[in-house]
Every structure is written in structure tokens, then in C-alpha cells.
Amino acid sequence: MTSRRKFIRNSSAIAAGIYMGGLSSSAKSYGNIIGANDRVRIGVVGFSDRFRSSLFPSVLNYQKEYNAQIVAVSDIWKLRRDEGKDWMTQKLGHNVQAYVNNEALYESKTVDAVIISTADFQHALHTIEAIKAGCDVYVEKPFAETMDDNIAALKAVKASNRVVQVGSQRRSGSNYKAAADFIEQGKFGPITMVELSWNVNQPGRWRRPGLVEKIKESDTDWKRYLMNRPFESWDARKYLEYRLFWPYSSGMPGQWMSHQIDTVHWFTGLPHPRSVIANGGIYKWKDGRRNWDTMTAVFDYGPLNDQSTGFQAVFTSRMHNGEERPAELYFSNGGELNLITNKVSSNGGLNEVHAKAMGMKPNLLPSVDLVKEDVKVVASANTGSDPLTNAHMRNWLDCIRTRNQTNAPVEAGYNHSIATIMTNAAARTGEKIFFDEVTQQVMAGGKVFKY
């Protein structure tokens, strides 16, 4: 494990160097780092359901401890902009200034940091805007939906002195940290398989019919919304129900799988899959969506060299049957690590009978509770503040003060985006997808995958 992690660190450094070039010399001055006693002024980029229900309460929990205050909101839709200003002003007890777009927000010079919870495809681009404005960033996942955006955002962050936290909140969870330590210390043995799943039965998931009826093109900025996506005529559903429509979102891979595949990268030190295949379709909810309602993706990780082992990871998801209990199961020859129960056990391990038949020794893991407390993953993004998001937000605010690296730095977002983009490419093309280490591009049928 140690040699593999060293190999990955060296490989990542080389890859970063390809895109960094001489940019570090042109990074912004370190003079704009916030002083120990200065107030951290936070701007909200996108007054979303996710922000209102989960991110806002998490900031509220720690604003006094870190002398942080939300002072501004930027949203290109007038209804959400006005709503955000009034709602936060009432909740916070002080005025929150509203801005018609991010350009106006950054020109005001009123914020030191921003929380970005906009459409999936905008995250990387909005991160670049914030970095150029000299702001620290908390950005929701998926970090990027195309490799061009992914590369550009990594490049911008690495050329700056800004603190970036990607919204992969599992990295701040005590149970996930315990699992990472258990695996890294070699106690689990080589991973042989990973099974990931995320299932719901929600015809309304990612639908916003009430808001679709309210919005008018004249009340927003469709061109600014599209950013660098191919032009399409105004469509309220693609604006408000973007998770259902590629190229504004990859759907299941970007929304759900990005969380779970990130733990694979974290626990193993592997930055991305070697190859991906995927299958699925729109089997139940035929409501005009482009993105699948059912899918399975299979990932090949490694081996890196003759001395290391490789494994597969499988992600399955359906939107027409399920109770939304995301499952993450790690398997070794000695047993399993279950992040539903937060237990390590000998389930499925090589027992004495089967080992003896082959002249081998049994291999059974001990029963271990990863954490003493009951830690559950809050699956829905909009059901209120949860322990993982709380811890993740606190880590970001702390790192703004200390200038330490966050639990989910830009590299984490870059790497989970490689996996989600590879999955989306497999879904869109039907090809077995590979990643080119030299060009840092996702390859489908020997060609670079774009749209």
C-alpha cells in the first residue's frame, strides 16, 4: 500500500505539472490572506435548495466560532435572488446584499469567500471565477462534467493561494475517516471488490414543476446560464430540472456516484479508474428527460504494476424502486467493510474448510466497529443539516483561518470528476472508456470524449 501511494503521489505531481506550466509564478499575491481577527465575508453563488436546507444551517452553526458572516447572494433568476436576500436577511438579522450575477458580486469587492451551489456543469466554471476574484471556495459536487472544465479549474486553483473545499462531505465523516485508516494501515488486506448502490422510488426526484411554471426567460439570463454549453433555445426545464438533461448534468453519475467513487479514490490512493463500461436507460420515468433512470457502471482499478493487486468497483442505481439507503461495501479475501453498518467483519472471508482443501491458511478478519457512535449518511441533499455537512463546512472555515489543506481539496474533485466523466462517456457512446494519462482526457473509441 505504501509503495502504491508513493507511486500515485509522484504520478499526480507529474500530471499536475503538465497543466501548471509556469502559472504558479503568476499566482495572486499572498497579501490578501484574511487576518486572524478579520471577519470572513461569505457570498452565496446560487440560492439553491441544497444551500437553503443544508449548507446554510452548517454555516450558521460555526459563524461565531470563526467570525464568518454571509453578506451577499448572487443569482441570475430574479425570483431566487430576491427570495435569497429576504430569507437570509430575516434569518441572519442583518442585510444581505443581492447581486444580479457573479460579475457584479466580485466587482463589489465585498466577499472573501463563496459557497457555490449552482447547476452541475457550472461548478468548475464558477470556481474559476471565484479564484480569479481572489476568493476561497466551497463548491458542491460534481466538481466538473467535462475534462476541459476539470483541467481548467484544477489549473486555476493550483496557480492560486486559495482554499478550496469540494462538497464531498464523506471526507469529513468520522466513520469514513476510520475506514480510510483501517484500509491504509493494511488491516483490511488488498481490496478485491467494491459494491456501490443508490436507489430511490421518486418520480419527482429532480423535477421542479411548480418552479417551471413560475419562471420566465425575461426574469433570468439564459445566455449566462449556458456558459460554455452548446446553445439551445430557452427551456425552463433545462434551467430548473438540469439534473435530468445532459450536457447540463450527467444525472446519476454526477449527483450520486461522485460521492461514493470518491471514497474509493480516498481509501486506495488511486486517482481514477483504468477503464469504465456502463449500461442502462430510461425504463420507467418517460417524462422527456435525457439522463437515465436506471444504470450499472463497472470500473477497473489497477493493477498499477506486477506487485500490486487490482479490483473492480460496481455502481448501480435506479429511480423507480428503493428507499434511498446508499450502500458502500468493500471486500477483501478476509471479509468485508460495510459503510452502512460501519463494521468490519469476516463475512465472505476465506474459512478453514475452503483454505484447508487447497493447503492454505484461513483468512478471516476480526469483527471491528469502525466508530462507537451511530453515524448515518443523510442521503437527500435537501432534508436539513446533517453531521457530515456540518463537519465539512467547519473544516472549510477552519482552513480559511489556518490556510491548511481542506479534507476534500481540488484534487479530490478533479479525480472524482474523471470517474464521472468516464461513466457518462460510457453511457453516451456505448464504448469501453479509458483515460489518457498524458493528455488527461477521457477517451471513447480512440477519440477524446466531448459531448
Protein backbone atom coordinates (compact mmCIF):
# COMPACT_ATOMS: atom_id res chain seq x y z
CA MET A 1 0.00 0.00 0.00
CA THR A 2 2.78 2.43 0.87
CA SER A 3 4.61 1.94 -2.42
CA ARG A 4 1.38 2.32 -4.34
CA ARG A 5 0.53 5.58 -2.60
CA LYS A 6 4.04 6.89 -3.30
CA PHE A 7 3.60 5.93 -6.94
CA ILE A 8 0.27 7.79 -7.10
CA ARG A 9 1.68 10.91 -5.45
CA ASN A 10 4.52 11.01 -7.95
CA SER A 11 2.16 10.38 -10.87
CA SER A 12 -0.21 13.11 -9.68
CA ALA A 13 2.64 15.57 -9.37
CA ILE A 14 3.70 14.85 -12.94
CA ALA A 15 0.14 15.21 -14.22
CA ALA A 16 -0.34 18.49 -12.38
CA GLY A 17 2.91 19.75 -13.84
CA ILE A 18 1.61 19.21 -17.37
CA TYR A 19 -1.15 21.72 -16.80
CA MET A 20 0.51 24.04 -14.36
CA GLY A 21 3.28 25.09 -16.70
CA GLY A 22 4.70 28.39 -15.48
CA LEU A 23 1.44 29.61 -14.00
CA SER A 24 2.49 29.42 -10.36
CA SER A 25 4.72 32.44 -10.86
CA SER A 26 1.70 34.50 -11.86
CA ALA A 27 -0.43 33.47 -8.86
CA LYS A 28 -2.20 36.18 -6.91
CA SER A 29 -0.34 37.86 -4.09
CA TYR A 30 -0.42 36.23 -0.68
CA GLY A 31 -1.17 39.64 0.76
CA ASN A 32 -4.93 39.10 0.56
CA ILE A 33 -4.97 36.27 3.11
CA ILE A 34 -7.52 37.00 5.83
CA GLY A 35 -6.07 38.09 9.14
CA ALA A 36 -6.67 36.10 12.31
CA ASN A 37 -9.21 38.60 13.66
CA ASP A 38 -10.77 39.77 10.41
CA ARG A 39 -14.35 38.84 9.63
CA VAL A 40 -14.73 36.31 6.82
CA ARG A 41 -17.32 37.75 4.46
CA ILE A 42 -19.13 34.97 2.58
CA GLY A 43 -21.06 35.26 -0.66
CA VAL A 44 -23.65 32.75 -1.83
CA VAL A 45 -23.40 31.81 -5.51
CA GLY A 46 -26.74 30.26 -6.36
CA PHE A 47 -29.58 30.34 -3.83
CA SER A 48 -30.45 26.66 -4.26
CA ASP A 49 -32.48 24.16 -2.27
CA ARG A 50 -29.21 22.48 -1.28
CA PHE A 51 -27.85 25.74 0.08
CA ARG A 52 -31.00 26.72 1.94
CA SER A 53 -31.61 23.36 3.59
CA SER A 54 -28.10 22.04 4.33
CA LEU A 55 -25.24 24.44 3.64
CA PHE A 56 -26.81 27.50 5.27
CA PRO A 57 -27.53 25.74 8.62
CA SER A 58 -23.96 24.43 8.63
CA VAL A 59 -22.54 27.93 8.22
CA LEU A 60 -24.88 29.16 10.92
CA ASN A 61 -23.51 26.55 13.34
CA TYR A 62 -19.95 27.89 13.12
CA GLN A 63 -20.19 31.56 12.09
CA LYS A 64 -19.44 32.84 15.60
CA GLU A 65 -16.58 30.41 16.19
CA TYR A 66 -14.82 31.51 13.00
CA ASN A 67 -16.08 35.11 12.82
CA ALA A 68 -17.74 34.40 9.48
CA GLN A 69 -20.79 36.10 8.07
CA ILE A 70 -22.89 35.66 4.94
CA VAL A 71 -23.17 39.12 3.41
CA ALA A 72 -24.19 38.63 -0.23
CA VAL A 73 -26.06 36.43 -2.69
CA SER A 74 -25.71 36.15 -6.45
CA ASP A 75 -28.39 34.51 -8.57
CA ILE A 76 -29.32 35.26 -12.17
CA TRP A 77 -33.01 34.39 -11.60
CA LYS A 78 -34.81 37.37 -10.07
CA LEU A 79 -37.18 35.24 -8.01
CA ARG A 80 -34.40 33.28 -6.34
CA ARG A 81 -32.22 36.38 -5.95
CA ASP A 82 -34.94 38.36 -4.17
CA GLU A 83 -36.03 35.33 -2.18
CA GLY A 84 -32.47 34.64 -1.08
CA LYS A 85 -31.88 38.22 0.01
CA ASP A 86 -35.11 38.43 2.02
CA TRP A 87 -34.87 34.94 3.55
CA MET A 88 -31.26 35.28 4.68
CA THR A 89 -31.71 38.85 5.90
CA GLN A 90 -34.56 37.62 8.10
CA LYS A 91 -32.67 34.54 9.33
CA LEU A 92 -29.38 36.34 9.98
CA GLY A 93 -30.72 39.59 11.39
CA HIS A 94 -28.60 41.76 9.10
CA ASN A 95 -28.80 42.90 5.50
CA VAL A 96 -27.66 40.50 2.78
CA GLN A 97 -26.89 42.28 -0.48
CA ALA A 98 -28.24 40.74 -3.71
CA TYR A 99 -26.31 40.81 -6.99
CA VAL A 100 -27.69 40.16 -10.46
CA ASN A 101 -24.74 37.93 -11.43
CA ASN A 102 -21.30 36.81 -10.26
CA GLU A 103 -19.51 39.54 -12.17
CA ALA A 104 -21.39 42.18 -10.17
CA LEU A 105 -20.72 40.27 -6.94
CA TYR A 106 -16.96 40.13 -7.46
CA GLU A 107 -16.74 43.70 -8.72
CA SER A 108 -18.30 44.83 -5.42
CA LYS A 109 -15.21 43.59 -3.51
CA THR A 110 -17.49 42.70 -0.61
CA VAL A 111 -16.69 38.98 -0.18
CA ASP A 112 -13.64 36.97 0.86
CA ALA A 113 -15.13 33.52 0.23
CA VAL A 114 -18.06 32.00 -1.63
CA ILE A 115 -20.28 28.93 -1.41
CA ILE A 116 -21.15 27.63 -4.88
CA SER A 117 -24.31 25.53 -5.28
CA THR A 118 -25.34 26.11 -8.87
CA ALA A 119 -26.07 23.73 -11.78
CA ASP A 120 -23.75 20.72 -12.04
CA PHE A 121 -21.97 21.85 -15.21
CA GLN A 122 -21.32 25.31 -13.74
CA HIS A 123 -19.38 24.25 -10.63
CA ALA A 124 -15.90 24.19 -12.16
CA LEU A 125 -16.51 27.37 -14.16
CA HIS A 126 -17.86 29.24 -11.14
CA THR A 127 -14.85 28.04 -9.14
CA ILE A 128 -12.54 29.60 -11.74
CA GLU A 129 -14.44 32.90 -11.50
CA ALA A 130 -14.13 32.89 -7.71
CA ILE A 131 -10.43 32.04 -7.77
CA LYS A 132 -9.74 34.85 -10.22
CA ALA A 133 -11.58 37.19 -7.85
CA GLY A 134 -9.28 36.08 -5.02
CA CYS A 135 -11.95 34.21 -3.05
CA ASP A 136 -11.76 30.99 -1.07
CA VAL A 137 -14.31 28.45 -2.30
CA TYR A 138 -16.73 25.81 -1.05
CA VAL A 139 -18.07 24.17 -4.21
CA GLU A 140 -20.71 21.47 -4.49
CA LYS A 141 -20.09 18.25 -6.39
CA PRO A 142 -19.76 17.09 -9.09
CA PHE A 143 -16.74 19.32 -9.50
CA ALA A 144 -16.80 19.17 -13.30
CA GLU A 145 -18.80 17.49 -16.07
CA THR A 146 -16.20 17.78 -18.85
CA MET A 147 -12.44 17.27 -18.76
CA ASP A 148 -11.78 20.67 -20.32
CA ASP A 149 -13.61 22.35 -17.43
CA ASN A 150 -11.98 19.97 -14.95
CA ILE A 151 -8.46 20.74 -16.20
CA ALA A 152 -9.09 24.50 -16.32
CA ALA A 153 -10.41 24.57 -12.75
CA LEU A 154 -7.54 22.46 -11.38
CA LYS A 155 -5.08 24.73 -13.14
CA ALA A 156 -6.69 27.89 -11.72
CA VAL A 157 -6.79 26.59 -8.16
CA LYS A 158 -3.23 25.22 -8.20
CA ALA A 159 -1.93 28.53 -9.52
CA SER A 160 -3.51 30.39 -6.61
CA ASN A 161 -3.22 30.51 -2.84
CA ARG A 162 -6.94 29.95 -2.34
CA VAL A 163 -8.58 27.44 0.00
CA VAL A 164 -10.98 25.12 -1.85
CA GLN A 165 -13.33 22.58 -0.32
CA VAL A 166 -15.20 20.29 -2.72
CA GLY A 167 -18.58 19.19 -1.35
CA SER A 168 -17.61 15.53 -0.89
CA GLN A 169 -18.66 15.59 2.74
CA ARG A 170 -17.91 11.91 3.37
CA ARG A 171 -14.28 13.01 3.75
CA SER A 172 -15.23 14.79 6.98
CA GLY A 173 -17.17 11.86 8.43
CA SER A 174 -15.68 10.03 11.43
CA ASN A 175 -16.81 6.64 10.09
CA TYR A 176 -15.24 7.25 6.68
CA LYS A 177 -12.01 8.50 8.27
CA ALA A 178 -11.90 5.33 10.39
CA ALA A 179 -12.46 3.19 7.28
CA ALA A 180 -9.70 5.02 5.40
CA ASP A 181 -7.28 4.48 8.31
CA PHE A 182 -8.20 0.80 8.64
CA ILE A 183 -7.51 0.16 4.95
CA GLU A 184 -4.40 2.33 4.71
CA GLN A 185 -2.83 0.62 7.73
CA GLY A 186 -3.10 -2.71 5.89
CA LYS A 187 -5.54 -4.22 8.39
CA PHE A 188 -8.15 -4.97 5.71
CA GLY A 189 -5.80 -6.50 3.16
CA PRO A 190 -5.91 -5.80 -0.57
CA ILE A 191 -9.34 -4.71 -1.79
CA THR A 192 -10.79 -7.27 -4.19
CA MET A 193 -14.19 -5.71 -4.95
CA VAL A 194 -16.30 -2.65 -4.18
CA GLU A 195 -20.09 -2.56 -4.47
CA LEU A 196 -21.82 0.83 -4.51
CA SER A 197 -25.55 1.49 -4.87
CA TRP A 198 -28.02 4.37 -4.58
CA ASN A 199 -31.71 3.64 -5.16
CA VAL A 200 -34.89 5.69 -4.82
CA ASN A 201 -38.54 5.43 -5.85
CA GLN A 202 -39.28 9.06 -6.55
CA PRO A 203 -41.00 10.14 -9.77
CA GLY A 204 -40.50 13.73 -8.62
CA ARG A 205 -36.76 13.45 -7.92
CA TRP A 206 -35.03 16.34 -9.69
CA ARG A 207 -38.38 17.60 -11.02
CA ARG A 208 -39.50 21.18 -10.24
CA PRO A 209 -42.93 21.54 -11.93
CA GLY A 210 -44.09 24.36 -9.68
CA LEU A 211 -41.00 26.44 -10.34
CA VAL A 212 -41.05 25.61 -14.05
CA GLU A 213 -44.48 27.25 -14.22
CA LYS A 214 -43.21 30.37 -12.44
CA ILE A 215 -40.02 31.14 -14.32
CA LYS A 216 -39.90 33.40 -17.38
CA GLU A 217 -36.92 33.85 -19.67
CA SER A 218 -37.18 37.63 -19.13
CA ASP A 219 -36.60 37.14 -15.40
CA THR A 220 -33.22 35.46 -15.82
CA ASP A 221 -30.17 35.38 -18.09
CA TRP A 222 -30.33 32.25 -20.27
CA LYS A 223 -27.12 33.06 -22.14
CA ARG A 224 -25.19 33.50 -18.90
CA TYR A 225 -26.74 30.29 -17.58
CA LEU A 226 -25.49 28.26 -20.58
CA MET A 227 -21.93 29.49 -20.06
CA ASN A 228 -19.83 27.24 -22.37
CA ARG A 229 -22.50 24.64 -23.20
CA PRO A 230 -23.75 24.39 -26.80
CA PHE A 231 -26.54 26.89 -27.47
CA GLU A 232 -30.11 25.67 -27.06
CA SER A 233 -33.28 27.72 -27.11
CA TRP A 234 -34.78 28.74 -23.78
CA ASP A 235 -36.15 25.77 -21.86
CA ALA A 236 -37.37 26.22 -18.30
CA ARG A 237 -36.96 22.51 -17.57
CA LYS A 238 -33.29 22.53 -18.56
CA TYR A 239 -32.80 25.56 -16.31
CA LEU A 240 -34.57 24.17 -13.22
CA GLU A 241 -34.52 20.41 -13.82
CA TYR A 242 -30.98 20.35 -15.23
CA ARG A 243 -30.09 17.09 -13.45
CA LEU A 244 -32.31 15.30 -15.98
CA PHE A 245 -30.64 16.77 -19.05
CA TRP A 246 -27.16 16.23 -20.46
CA PRO A 247 -24.99 18.32 -21.08
CA TYR A 248 -26.13 20.30 -18.03
CA SER A 249 -25.71 17.27 -15.77
CA SER A 250 -24.73 13.63 -16.10
CA GLY A 251 -27.53 12.73 -13.67
CA MET A 252 -26.81 9.70 -11.51
CA PRO A 253 -23.01 9.66 -12.02
CA GLY A 254 -22.52 13.30 -11.10
CA GLN A 255 -25.16 13.56 -8.41
CA TRP A 256 -24.77 10.28 -6.54
CA MET A 257 -21.88 8.21 -7.79
CA SER A 258 -19.43 11.10 -7.39
CA HIS A 259 -19.81 10.81 -3.59
CA GLN A 260 -19.25 7.08 -3.48
CA ILE A 261 -16.49 6.75 -6.08
CA ASP A 262 -14.58 9.46 -4.20
CA THR A 263 -14.30 7.12 -1.21
CA VAL A 264 -12.71 4.51 -3.49
CA HIS A 265 -10.03 7.01 -4.54
CA TRP A 266 -9.53 8.17 -0.96
CA PHE A 267 -9.26 4.70 0.59
CA THR A 268 -6.90 3.31 -2.07
CA GLY A 269 -4.81 6.29 -3.17
CA LEU A 270 -5.81 5.56 -6.77
CA PRO A 271 -6.77 8.74 -8.62
CA HIS A 272 -9.17 7.28 -11.18
CA PRO A 273 -10.34 4.07 -12.86
CA ARG A 274 -8.31 2.44 -15.62
CA SER A 275 -11.47 1.75 -17.63
CA VAL A 276 -15.27 2.05 -17.34
CA ILE A 277 -18.23 0.38 -19.03
CA ALA A 278 -21.87 1.30 -18.38
CA ASN A 279 -25.34 0.23 -19.37
CA GLY A 280 -28.82 1.46 -18.60
CA GLY A 281 -31.65 3.53 -19.92
CA ILE A 282 -34.89 5.38 -19.26
CA TYR A 283 -37.12 2.46 -18.30
CA LYS A 284 -39.78 3.98 -16.08
CA TRP A 285 -39.96 7.78 -15.93
CA LYS A 286 -40.54 8.74 -19.56
CA ASP A 287 -41.08 12.43 -18.92
CA GLY A 288 -38.84 13.94 -21.59
CA ARG A 289 -35.60 13.54 -19.63
CA ARG A 290 -32.28 12.74 -21.35
CA ASN A 291 -30.48 11.14 -18.41
CA TRP A 292 -31.08 7.52 -17.41
CA ASP A 293 -33.37 6.43 -14.59
CA THR A 294 -31.57 3.07 -14.26
CA MET A 295 -27.89 2.26 -14.65
CA THR A 296 -24.97 0.00 -13.85
CA ALA A 297 -21.33 1.01 -14.26
CA VAL A 298 -18.30 -1.25 -13.83
CA PHE A 299 -14.86 0.20 -13.05
CA ASP A 300 -11.47 -1.45 -13.42
CA TYR A 301 -8.91 -0.18 -10.92
CA GLY A 302 -5.36 -1.33 -11.50
CA PRO A 303 -3.22 -3.21 -11.04
CA LEU A 304 -0.62 -0.47 -11.18
CA ASN A 305 2.30 -2.86 -11.52
CA ASP A 306 3.27 -6.53 -11.16
CA GLN A 307 3.48 -6.25 -7.37
CA SER A 308 0.08 -4.64 -6.72
CA THR A 309 -3.40 -6.09 -6.95
CA GLY A 310 -6.33 -4.68 -8.87
CA PHE A 311 -10.07 -4.78 -8.27
CA GLN A 312 -13.43 -3.89 -9.75
CA ALA A 313 -15.98 -1.42 -8.43
CA VAL A 314 -19.63 -1.63 -9.44
CA PHE A 315 -22.13 1.21 -9.12
CA THR A 316 -25.84 0.52 -9.54
CA SER A 317 -28.70 2.98 -9.31
CA ARG A 318 -32.41 3.01 -10.02
CA MET A 319 -35.06 5.70 -9.57
CA HIS A 320 -38.19 3.50 -9.60
CA ASN A 321 -37.67 1.24 -6.56
CA GLY A 322 -35.72 1.91 -3.39
CA GLU A 323 -35.63 3.66 -0.03
CA GLU A 324 -32.53 5.81 -0.57
CA ARG A 325 -30.10 3.96 1.67
CA PRO A 326 -26.79 4.48 -0.18
CA ALA A 327 -24.63 1.38 0.22
CA GLU A 328 -20.84 1.12 0.15
CA LEU A 329 -19.36 -2.34 0.64
CA TYR A 330 -15.63 -3.10 0.41
CA PHE A 331 -14.49 -6.71 0.09
CA SER A 332 -11.15 -8.42 0.69
CA ASN A 333 -10.18 -12.08 0.86
CA GLY A 334 -10.63 -11.86 4.62
CA GLY A 335 -14.09 -10.32 4.83
CA GLU A 336 -15.98 -7.07 4.28
CA LEU A 337 -16.04 -3.44 5.36
CA ASN A 338 -19.63 -2.21 5.45
CA LEU A 339 -20.29 1.53 5.49
CA ILE A 340 -24.00 1.02 6.14
CA THR A 341 -23.35 -0.67 9.49
CA ASN A 342 -19.86 0.87 9.94
CA LYS A 343 -18.49 -2.55 10.78
CA VAL A 344 -15.65 -4.75 9.59
CA SER A 345 -16.46 -8.47 9.67
CA SER A 346 -15.28 -11.84 8.40
CA ASN A 347 -18.34 -12.16 6.14
CA GLY A 348 -17.28 -13.96 2.97
CA GLY A 349 -13.70 -14.42 4.17
CA LEU A 350 -11.61 -17.49 3.39
CA ASN A 351 -12.71 -20.00 6.03
CA GLU A 352 -10.85 -23.02 7.38
CA VAL A 353 -12.71 -25.60 5.26
CA HIS A 354 -12.03 -23.98 1.91
CA ALA A 355 -8.49 -22.96 2.86
CA LYS A 356 -7.57 -26.47 4.04
CA ALA A 357 -8.82 -28.03 0.80
CA MET A 358 -6.17 -26.02 -1.07
CA GLY A 359 -3.42 -26.38 1.50
CA MET A 360 -3.82 -22.76 2.58
CA LYS A 361 -4.36 -20.96 5.87
CA PRO A 362 -7.77 -19.43 6.61
CA ASN A 363 -8.04 -15.66 6.28
CA LEU A 364 -10.77 -14.16 8.43
CA LEU A 365 -10.91 -10.55 9.60
CA PRO A 366 -11.83 -9.78 13.22
CA SER A 367 -15.13 -8.07 13.99
CA VAL A 368 -14.46 -4.34 14.38
CA ASP A 369 -16.72 -1.33 14.94
CA LEU A 370 -15.25 1.49 12.87
CA VAL A 371 -16.80 4.07 15.21
CA LYS A 372 -18.60 3.83 18.54
CA GLU A 373 -21.25 6.39 17.70
CA ASP A 374 -24.13 5.73 15.29
CA VAL A 375 -23.19 7.61 12.11
CA LYS A 376 -25.68 7.55 9.25
CA VAL A 377 -25.33 9.08 5.81
CA VAL A 378 -28.07 11.61 5.16
CA ALA A 379 -28.84 10.77 1.57
CA SER A 380 -31.19 13.52 0.46
CA ALA A 381 -29.50 16.85 -0.16
CA ASN A 382 -32.48 18.94 0.89
CA THR A 383 -33.71 17.46 4.17
CA GLY A 384 -31.82 19.68 6.57
CA SER A 385 -28.35 19.98 8.04
CA ASP A 386 -26.53 16.71 8.66
CA PRO A 387 -23.41 15.73 10.66
CA LEU A 388 -21.21 15.17 7.59
CA THR A 389 -22.07 18.53 6.00
CA ASN A 390 -21.63 20.25 9.36
CA ALA A 391 -18.16 18.76 9.81
CA HIS A 392 -17.25 19.54 6.21
CA MET A 393 -18.31 23.18 6.49
CA ARG A 394 -16.44 23.57 9.75
CA ASN A 395 -13.30 22.13 8.15
CA TRP A 396 -13.54 24.68 5.32
CA LEU A 397 -13.98 27.63 7.71
CA ASP A 398 -11.10 26.38 9.83
CA CYS A 399 -8.85 26.09 6.77
CA ILE A 400 -9.73 29.62 5.70
CA ARG A 401 -8.22 30.70 9.02
CA THR A 402 -5.25 28.34 9.12
CA ARG A 403 -4.60 28.12 5.33
CA ASN A 404 -4.28 24.36 5.74
CA GLN A 405 -5.46 21.94 3.08
CA THR A 406 -9.14 21.00 3.33
CA ASN A 407 -10.46 17.47 3.74
CA ALA A 408 -11.66 17.49 0.12
CA PRO A 409 -9.15 19.61 -1.83
CA VAL A 410 -9.36 20.36 -5.52
CA GLU A 411 -7.53 17.13 -6.42
CA ALA A 412 -10.37 15.12 -4.86
CA GLY A 413 -12.87 16.92 -7.08
CA TYR A 414 -10.63 16.56 -10.12
CA ASN A 415 -10.32 12.81 -9.59
CA HIS A 416 -13.98 12.05 -8.88
CA SER A 417 -14.82 14.07 -11.98
CA ILE A 418 -12.57 11.86 -14.11
CA ALA A 419 -14.60 8.86 -12.95
CA THR A 420 -17.98 10.52 -13.51
CA ILE A 421 -16.96 11.85 -16.94
CA MET A 422 -15.71 8.39 -17.91
CA THR A 423 -19.03 6.92 -16.78
CA ASN A 424 -21.02 9.50 -18.71
CA ALA A 425 -18.89 8.84 -21.79
CA ALA A 426 -19.62 5.11 -21.50
CA ALA A 427 -23.34 5.87 -21.15
CA ARG A 428 -23.39 8.22 -24.14
CA THR A 429 -21.25 6.17 -26.53
CA GLY A 430 -21.67 2.54 -25.51
CA GLU A 431 -17.87 2.21 -25.63
CA LYS A 432 -15.40 0.91 -23.08
CA ILE A 433 -13.84 4.12 -21.81
CA PHE A 434 -10.18 4.74 -20.95
CA PHE A 435 -8.24 7.69 -19.53
CA ASP A 436 -5.17 9.11 -21.25
CA GLU A 437 -2.62 9.98 -18.57
CA VAL A 438 -0.58 12.16 -20.91
CA THR A 439 -3.34 14.39 -22.24
CA GLN A 440 -5.58 14.00 -19.16
CA GLN A 441 -8.51 13.32 -21.46
CA VAL A 442 -11.30 10.73 -21.42
CA MET A 443 -11.10 8.51 -24.49
CA ALA A 444 -14.04 6.80 -26.23
CA GLY A 445 -13.32 4.64 -29.26
CA GLY A 446 -9.83 6.13 -29.51
CA LYS A 447 -11.19 9.69 -29.61
CA VAL A 448 -11.46 12.41 -26.98
CA PHE A 449 -14.96 12.46 -25.46
CA LYS A 450 -16.54 15.92 -25.51
CA TYR A 451 -20.34 15.88 -25.74
